[in-house]
Amino acid sequence: MESALAIAALGALAQGTRLDTFRLLVRHVPEGLPAGEVARQLGVPQNTMSAHLAILTRSGLVRFERQGRTIFYRADLDSVRGLMLFLVQDCCAGNADLCTPLIEALTPCC
């Protein structure tokens, strides 16, 4: 991942509603959620949610798919993986013993 992409992704998450939106979409991988349902669950007006979803989509953290008149949004876990690897690629100057706790903490419980 390039620095510019990492900055865009981190910038998109640096706002409370977008962070909440992203975390909600991560919980609904792989099926995703319709935009209106995201707005409803987070108590955000639909036009405001559309702007937040557009920012998350441009950052590469979220994808969308139109199904009829409904747009479903999904967290893009490949982008998340790329961002996480970018952030820790030089972890602990290559000392695996120091990185092990970090890697174990990033291992999902599921």
N, C-alpha and C. Protein backbone atom coordinates (compact mmCIF):
# COMPACT_ATOMS: atom_id res chain seq x y z
N MET A 1 0.85 -1.17 0.00
CA MET A 1 0.00 0.00 0.00
C MET A 1 0.89 1.23 0.00
N GLU A 2 0.50 2.22 -0.76
CA GLU A 2 1.23 3.47 -0.82
C GLU A 2 0.82 4.37 0.35
N SER A 3 1.71 5.28 0.70
CA SER A 3 1.42 6.22 1.79
C SER A 3 0.15 7.02 1.53
N ALA A 4 -0.06 7.45 0.29
CA ALA A 4 -1.24 8.27 -0.03
C ALA A 4 -2.53 7.50 0.25
N LEU A 5 -2.55 6.20 -0.08
CA LEU A 5 -3.74 5.39 0.18
C LEU A 5 -3.95 5.19 1.67
N ALA A 6 -2.87 4.98 2.40
CA ALA A 6 -2.97 4.82 3.85
C ALA A 6 -3.48 6.10 4.49
N ILE A 7 -3.00 7.23 4.03
CA ILE A 7 -3.45 8.51 4.58
C ILE A 7 -4.93 8.72 4.29
N ALA A 8 -5.38 8.37 3.09
CA ALA A 8 -6.80 8.51 2.75
C ALA A 8 -7.66 7.61 3.63
N ALA A 9 -7.21 6.37 3.85
CA ALA A 9 -7.97 5.45 4.68
C ALA A 9 -8.02 5.91 6.13
N LEU A 10 -6.89 6.31 6.66
CA LEU A 10 -6.85 6.77 8.05
C LEU A 10 -7.65 8.07 8.21
N GLY A 11 -7.58 8.94 7.21
CA GLY A 11 -8.35 10.18 7.26
C GLY A 11 -9.85 9.91 7.24
N ALA A 12 -10.26 8.92 6.45
CA ALA A 12 -11.68 8.58 6.39
C ALA A 12 -12.17 8.07 7.74
N LEU A 13 -11.32 7.37 8.45
CA LEU A 13 -11.71 6.80 9.75
C LEU A 13 -11.55 7.79 10.90
N ALA A 14 -10.98 8.95 10.61
CA ALA A 14 -10.70 9.94 11.66
C ALA A 14 -11.90 10.83 11.95
N GLN A 15 -13.08 10.29 11.80
CA GLN A 15 -14.32 11.01 12.09
C GLN A 15 -15.26 10.00 12.72
N GLY A 16 -15.93 10.39 13.79
CA GLY A 16 -16.71 9.45 14.59
C GLY A 16 -17.76 8.67 13.84
N THR A 17 -18.58 9.33 13.05
CA THR A 17 -19.65 8.63 12.33
C THR A 17 -19.09 7.67 11.31
N ARG A 18 -18.02 8.08 10.62
CA ARG A 18 -17.43 7.17 9.64
C ARG A 18 -16.77 5.97 10.31
N LEU A 19 -16.14 6.18 11.44
CA LEU A 19 -15.55 5.06 12.17
C LEU A 19 -16.65 4.09 12.62
N ASP A 20 -17.74 4.63 13.16
CA ASP A 20 -18.87 3.78 13.56
C ASP A 20 -19.46 3.04 12.37
N THR A 21 -19.56 3.73 11.24
CA THR A 21 -20.10 3.11 10.03
C THR A 21 -19.21 1.98 9.57
N PHE A 22 -17.92 2.22 9.54
CA PHE A 22 -16.99 1.18 9.11
C PHE A 22 -17.06 -0.03 10.03
N ARG A 23 -17.07 0.21 11.33
CA ARG A 23 -17.13 -0.91 12.29
C ARG A 23 -18.44 -1.69 12.14
N LEU A 24 -19.54 -1.00 11.87
CA LEU A 24 -20.82 -1.67 11.63
C LEU A 24 -20.73 -2.54 10.39
N LEU A 25 -20.14 -2.02 9.32
CA LEU A 25 -20.01 -2.80 8.09
C LEU A 25 -19.09 -3.99 8.26
N VAL A 26 -18.05 -3.85 9.08
CA VAL A 26 -17.16 -4.99 9.35
C VAL A 26 -17.93 -6.11 10.03
N ARG A 27 -18.86 -5.74 10.90
CA ARG A 27 -19.67 -6.77 11.59
C ARG A 27 -20.63 -7.48 10.63
N HIS A 28 -20.87 -6.91 9.47
CA HIS A 28 -21.82 -7.49 8.52
C HIS A 28 -21.15 -7.98 7.24
N VAL A 29 -19.87 -8.33 7.34
CA VAL A 29 -19.18 -8.97 6.22
C VAL A 29 -19.61 -10.43 6.20
N PRO A 30 -19.93 -11.05 5.10
CA PRO A 30 -19.79 -10.55 3.74
C PRO A 30 -21.07 -9.95 3.15
N GLU A 31 -22.20 -10.10 3.82
CA GLU A 31 -23.46 -9.70 3.19
C GLU A 31 -23.62 -8.19 3.02
N GLY A 32 -23.03 -7.40 3.89
CA GLY A 32 -23.15 -5.94 3.81
C GLY A 32 -24.52 -5.47 4.29
N LEU A 33 -24.73 -4.18 4.17
CA LEU A 33 -25.99 -3.56 4.59
C LEU A 33 -26.42 -2.52 3.57
N PRO A 34 -27.73 -2.37 3.39
CA PRO A 34 -28.20 -1.26 2.56
C PRO A 34 -27.89 0.07 3.23
N ALA A 35 -27.68 1.10 2.43
CA ALA A 35 -27.34 2.42 2.96
C ALA A 35 -28.37 2.91 3.97
N GLY A 36 -29.64 2.71 3.68
CA GLY A 36 -30.69 3.16 4.59
C GLY A 36 -30.64 2.46 5.93
N GLU A 37 -30.28 1.20 5.93
CA GLU A 37 -30.17 0.44 7.18
C GLU A 37 -28.97 0.91 8.00
N VAL A 38 -27.88 1.25 7.32
CA VAL A 38 -26.71 1.79 8.03
C VAL A 38 -27.12 3.09 8.72
N ALA A 39 -27.80 3.95 7.99
CA ALA A 39 -28.24 5.23 8.56
C ALA A 39 -29.19 5.00 9.73
N ARG A 40 -30.11 4.06 9.58
CA ARG A 40 -31.08 3.79 10.65
C ARG A 40 -30.39 3.27 11.91
N GLN A 41 -29.49 2.31 11.74
CA GLN A 41 -28.83 1.71 12.90
C GLN A 41 -27.96 2.71 13.65
N LEU A 42 -27.41 3.68 12.93
CA LEU A 42 -26.53 4.65 13.57
C LEU A 42 -27.25 5.95 13.93
N GLY A 43 -28.53 6.05 13.55
CA GLY A 43 -29.30 7.24 13.87
C GLY A 43 -28.79 8.50 13.17
N VAL A 44 -28.41 8.33 11.90
CA VAL A 44 -27.86 9.44 11.11
C VAL A 44 -28.82 9.69 9.94
N PRO A 45 -29.10 10.96 9.62
CA PRO A 45 -29.94 11.24 8.44
C PRO A 45 -29.35 10.60 7.18
N GLN A 46 -30.22 10.13 6.29
CA GLN A 46 -29.75 9.40 5.12
C GLN A 46 -28.84 10.23 4.23
N ASN A 47 -29.13 11.52 4.05
CA ASN A 47 -28.26 12.32 3.18
C ASN A 47 -26.87 12.50 3.80
N THR A 48 -26.82 12.63 5.12
CA THR A 48 -25.52 12.71 5.80
C THR A 48 -24.77 11.39 5.69
N MET A 49 -25.49 10.27 5.85
CA MET A 49 -24.86 8.96 5.74
C MET A 49 -24.32 8.75 4.33
N SER A 50 -25.04 9.22 3.33
CA SER A 50 -24.56 9.07 1.95
C SER A 50 -23.20 9.74 1.78
N ALA A 51 -23.03 10.92 2.37
CA ALA A 51 -21.75 11.61 2.28
C ALA A 51 -20.65 10.82 2.98
N HIS A 52 -20.95 10.27 4.15
CA HIS A 52 -19.95 9.48 4.87
C HIS A 52 -19.59 8.21 4.10
N LEU A 53 -20.59 7.54 3.54
CA LEU A 53 -20.33 6.32 2.77
C LEU A 53 -19.50 6.63 1.52
N ALA A 54 -19.73 7.78 0.92
CA ALA A 54 -18.94 8.17 -0.25
C ALA A 54 -17.47 8.36 0.12
N ILE A 55 -17.22 8.97 1.26
CA ILE A 55 -15.83 9.17 1.71
C ILE A 55 -15.17 7.83 2.00
N LEU A 56 -15.88 6.94 2.67
CA LEU A 56 -15.32 5.61 2.96
C LEU A 56 -15.07 4.82 1.68
N THR A 57 -15.95 4.99 0.70
CA THR A 57 -15.77 4.29 -0.57
C THR A 57 -14.56 4.84 -1.32
N ARG A 58 -14.42 6.15 -1.37
CA ARG A 58 -13.26 6.75 -2.05
C ARG A 58 -11.95 6.36 -1.37
N SER A 59 -12.00 6.13 -0.07
CA SER A 59 -10.78 5.74 0.65
C SER A 59 -10.37 4.30 0.36
N GLY A 60 -11.28 3.52 -0.22
CA GLY A 60 -11.00 2.12 -0.52
C GLY A 60 -11.36 1.15 0.59
N LEU A 61 -11.86 1.66 1.70
CA LEU A 61 -12.20 0.79 2.83
C LEU A 61 -13.57 0.13 2.68
N VAL A 62 -14.40 0.69 1.81
CA VAL A 62 -15.77 0.20 1.64
C VAL A 62 -16.05 0.05 0.15
N ARG A 63 -16.79 -0.99 -0.19
CA ARG A 63 -17.26 -1.22 -1.56
C ARG A 63 -18.78 -1.15 -1.55
N PHE A 64 -19.35 -0.93 -2.72
CA PHE A 64 -20.80 -0.96 -2.81
C PHE A 64 -21.24 -1.76 -4.02
N GLU A 65 -22.46 -2.25 -3.95
CA GLU A 65 -23.05 -3.02 -5.04
C GLU A 65 -24.52 -2.65 -5.12
N ARG A 66 -24.95 -2.30 -6.31
CA ARG A 66 -26.36 -1.98 -6.52
C ARG A 66 -27.13 -3.27 -6.80
N GLN A 67 -28.21 -3.45 -6.06
CA GLN A 67 -29.12 -4.58 -6.28
C GLN A 67 -30.51 -3.98 -6.47
N GLY A 68 -30.89 -3.83 -7.74
CA GLY A 68 -32.15 -3.15 -8.03
C GLY A 68 -32.02 -1.68 -7.67
N ARG A 69 -32.92 -1.21 -6.81
CA ARG A 69 -32.88 0.19 -6.38
C ARG A 69 -32.10 0.38 -5.08
N THR A 70 -31.58 -0.71 -4.54
CA THR A 70 -30.90 -0.66 -3.26
C THR A 70 -29.39 -0.76 -3.46
N ILE A 71 -28.65 0.04 -2.70
CA ILE A 71 -27.19 -0.03 -2.73
C ILE A 71 -26.72 -0.66 -1.42
N PHE A 72 -26.01 -1.77 -1.53
CA PHE A 72 -25.45 -2.46 -0.38
C PHE A 72 -23.99 -2.05 -0.23
N TYR A 73 -23.59 -1.77 1.00
CA TYR A 73 -22.21 -1.39 1.31
C TYR A 73 -21.56 -2.50 2.12
N ARG A 74 -20.29 -2.75 1.82
CA ARG A 74 -19.52 -3.79 2.51
C ARG A 74 -18.13 -3.25 2.84
N ALA A 75 -17.62 -3.63 3.98
CA ALA A 75 -16.23 -3.33 4.31
C ALA A 75 -15.35 -4.16 3.39
N ASP A 76 -14.29 -3.56 2.87
CA ASP A 76 -13.35 -4.25 2.01
C ASP A 76 -12.19 -4.75 2.87
N LEU A 77 -12.28 -6.01 3.26
CA LEU A 77 -11.29 -6.57 4.18
C LEU A 77 -9.90 -6.66 3.56
N ASP A 78 -9.81 -6.77 2.23
CA ASP A 78 -8.49 -6.77 1.60
C ASP A 78 -7.81 -5.42 1.80
N SER A 79 -8.58 -4.33 1.70
CA SER A 79 -8.01 -3.01 1.95
C SER A 79 -7.60 -2.84 3.40
N VAL A 80 -8.41 -3.37 4.30
CA VAL A 80 -8.09 -3.31 5.73
C VAL A 80 -6.79 -4.07 5.99
N ARG A 81 -6.68 -5.24 5.39
CA ARG A 81 -5.46 -6.05 5.55
C ARG A 81 -4.25 -5.27 5.04
N GLY A 82 -4.39 -4.65 3.87
CA GLY A 82 -3.30 -3.87 3.31
C GLY A 82 -2.90 -2.71 4.21
N LEU A 83 -3.90 -2.04 4.79
CA LEU A 83 -3.62 -0.93 5.70
C LEU A 83 -2.90 -1.42 6.95
N MET A 84 -3.37 -2.50 7.53
CA MET A 84 -2.73 -3.03 8.73
C MET A 84 -1.30 -3.46 8.44
N LEU A 85 -1.08 -4.12 7.32
CA LEU A 85 0.28 -4.53 6.97
C LEU A 85 1.18 -3.33 6.72
N PHE A 86 0.64 -2.29 6.09
CA PHE A 86 1.40 -1.07 5.87
C PHE A 86 1.84 -0.47 7.21
N LEU A 87 0.93 -0.45 8.17
CA LEU A 87 1.23 0.16 9.46
C LEU A 87 2.28 -0.60 10.26
N VAL A 88 2.35 -1.91 10.08
CA VAL A 88 3.27 -2.71 10.90
C VAL A 88 4.39 -3.38 10.09
N GLN A 89 4.58 -2.98 8.84
CA GLN A 89 5.55 -3.69 8.01
C GLN A 89 6.97 -3.63 8.56
N ASP A 90 7.31 -2.60 9.28
CA ASP A 90 8.66 -2.52 9.87
C ASP A 90 8.62 -2.77 11.37
N CYS A 91 7.64 -3.52 11.80
CA CYS A 91 7.40 -3.77 13.21
C CYS A 91 8.65 -4.27 13.93
N CYS A 92 8.97 -3.59 14.97
CA CYS A 92 10.00 -4.04 15.92
C CYS A 92 11.35 -4.31 15.26
N ALA A 93 11.62 -3.63 14.16
CA ALA A 93 12.90 -3.77 13.44
C ALA A 93 13.22 -5.24 13.13
N GLY A 94 12.19 -6.02 12.86
CA GLY A 94 12.38 -7.42 12.49
C GLY A 94 12.54 -8.38 13.64
N ASN A 95 12.40 -7.91 14.86
CA ASN A 95 12.52 -8.79 16.03
C ASN A 95 11.17 -9.48 16.26
N ALA A 96 11.08 -10.72 15.83
CA ALA A 96 9.82 -11.47 15.88
C ALA A 96 9.27 -11.61 17.30
N ASP A 97 10.16 -11.70 18.28
CA ASP A 97 9.69 -11.85 19.66
C ASP A 97 8.89 -10.63 20.12
N LEU A 98 9.28 -9.45 19.65
CA LEU A 98 8.57 -8.24 20.03
C LEU A 98 7.25 -8.12 19.27
N CYS A 99 7.18 -8.64 18.05
CA CYS A 99 5.97 -8.53 17.23
C CYS A 99 4.92 -9.58 17.56
N THR A 100 5.30 -10.66 18.16
CA THR A 100 4.36 -11.75 18.42
C THR A 100 3.11 -11.30 19.18
N PRO A 101 3.22 -10.53 20.25
CA PRO A 101 1.99 -10.09 20.93
C PRO A 101 1.07 -9.25 20.04
N LEU A 102 1.64 -8.43 19.19
CA LEU A 102 0.84 -7.62 18.28
C LEU A 102 0.11 -8.50 17.29
N ILE A 103 0.82 -9.44 16.71
CA ILE A 103 0.21 -10.35 15.72
C ILE A 103 -0.89 -11.18 16.38
N GLU A 104 -0.64 -11.66 17.58
CA GLU A 104 -1.67 -12.44 18.28
C GLU A 104 -2.89 -11.58 18.60
N ALA A 105 -2.68 -10.32 18.94
CA ALA A 105 -3.82 -9.44 19.22
C ALA A 105 -4.63 -9.14 17.98
N LEU A 106 -4.00 -9.16 16.80
CA LEU A 106 -4.69 -8.90 15.55
C LEU A 106 -5.38 -10.14 15.00
N THR A 107 -5.11 -11.30 15.57
CA THR A 107 -5.74 -12.53 15.10
C THR A 107 -7.18 -12.54 15.60
N PRO A 108 -8.13 -12.58 14.66
CA PRO A 108 -9.55 -12.54 15.08
C PRO A 108 -9.95 -13.77 15.87
N CYS A 109 -10.91 -13.56 16.74
CA CYS A 109 -11.37 -14.66 17.59
C CYS A 109 -12.22 -15.65 16.81
N CYS A 110 -12.72 -15.28 15.66
CA CYS A 110 -13.59 -16.18 14.91
C CYS A 110 -12.77 -17.05 13.98
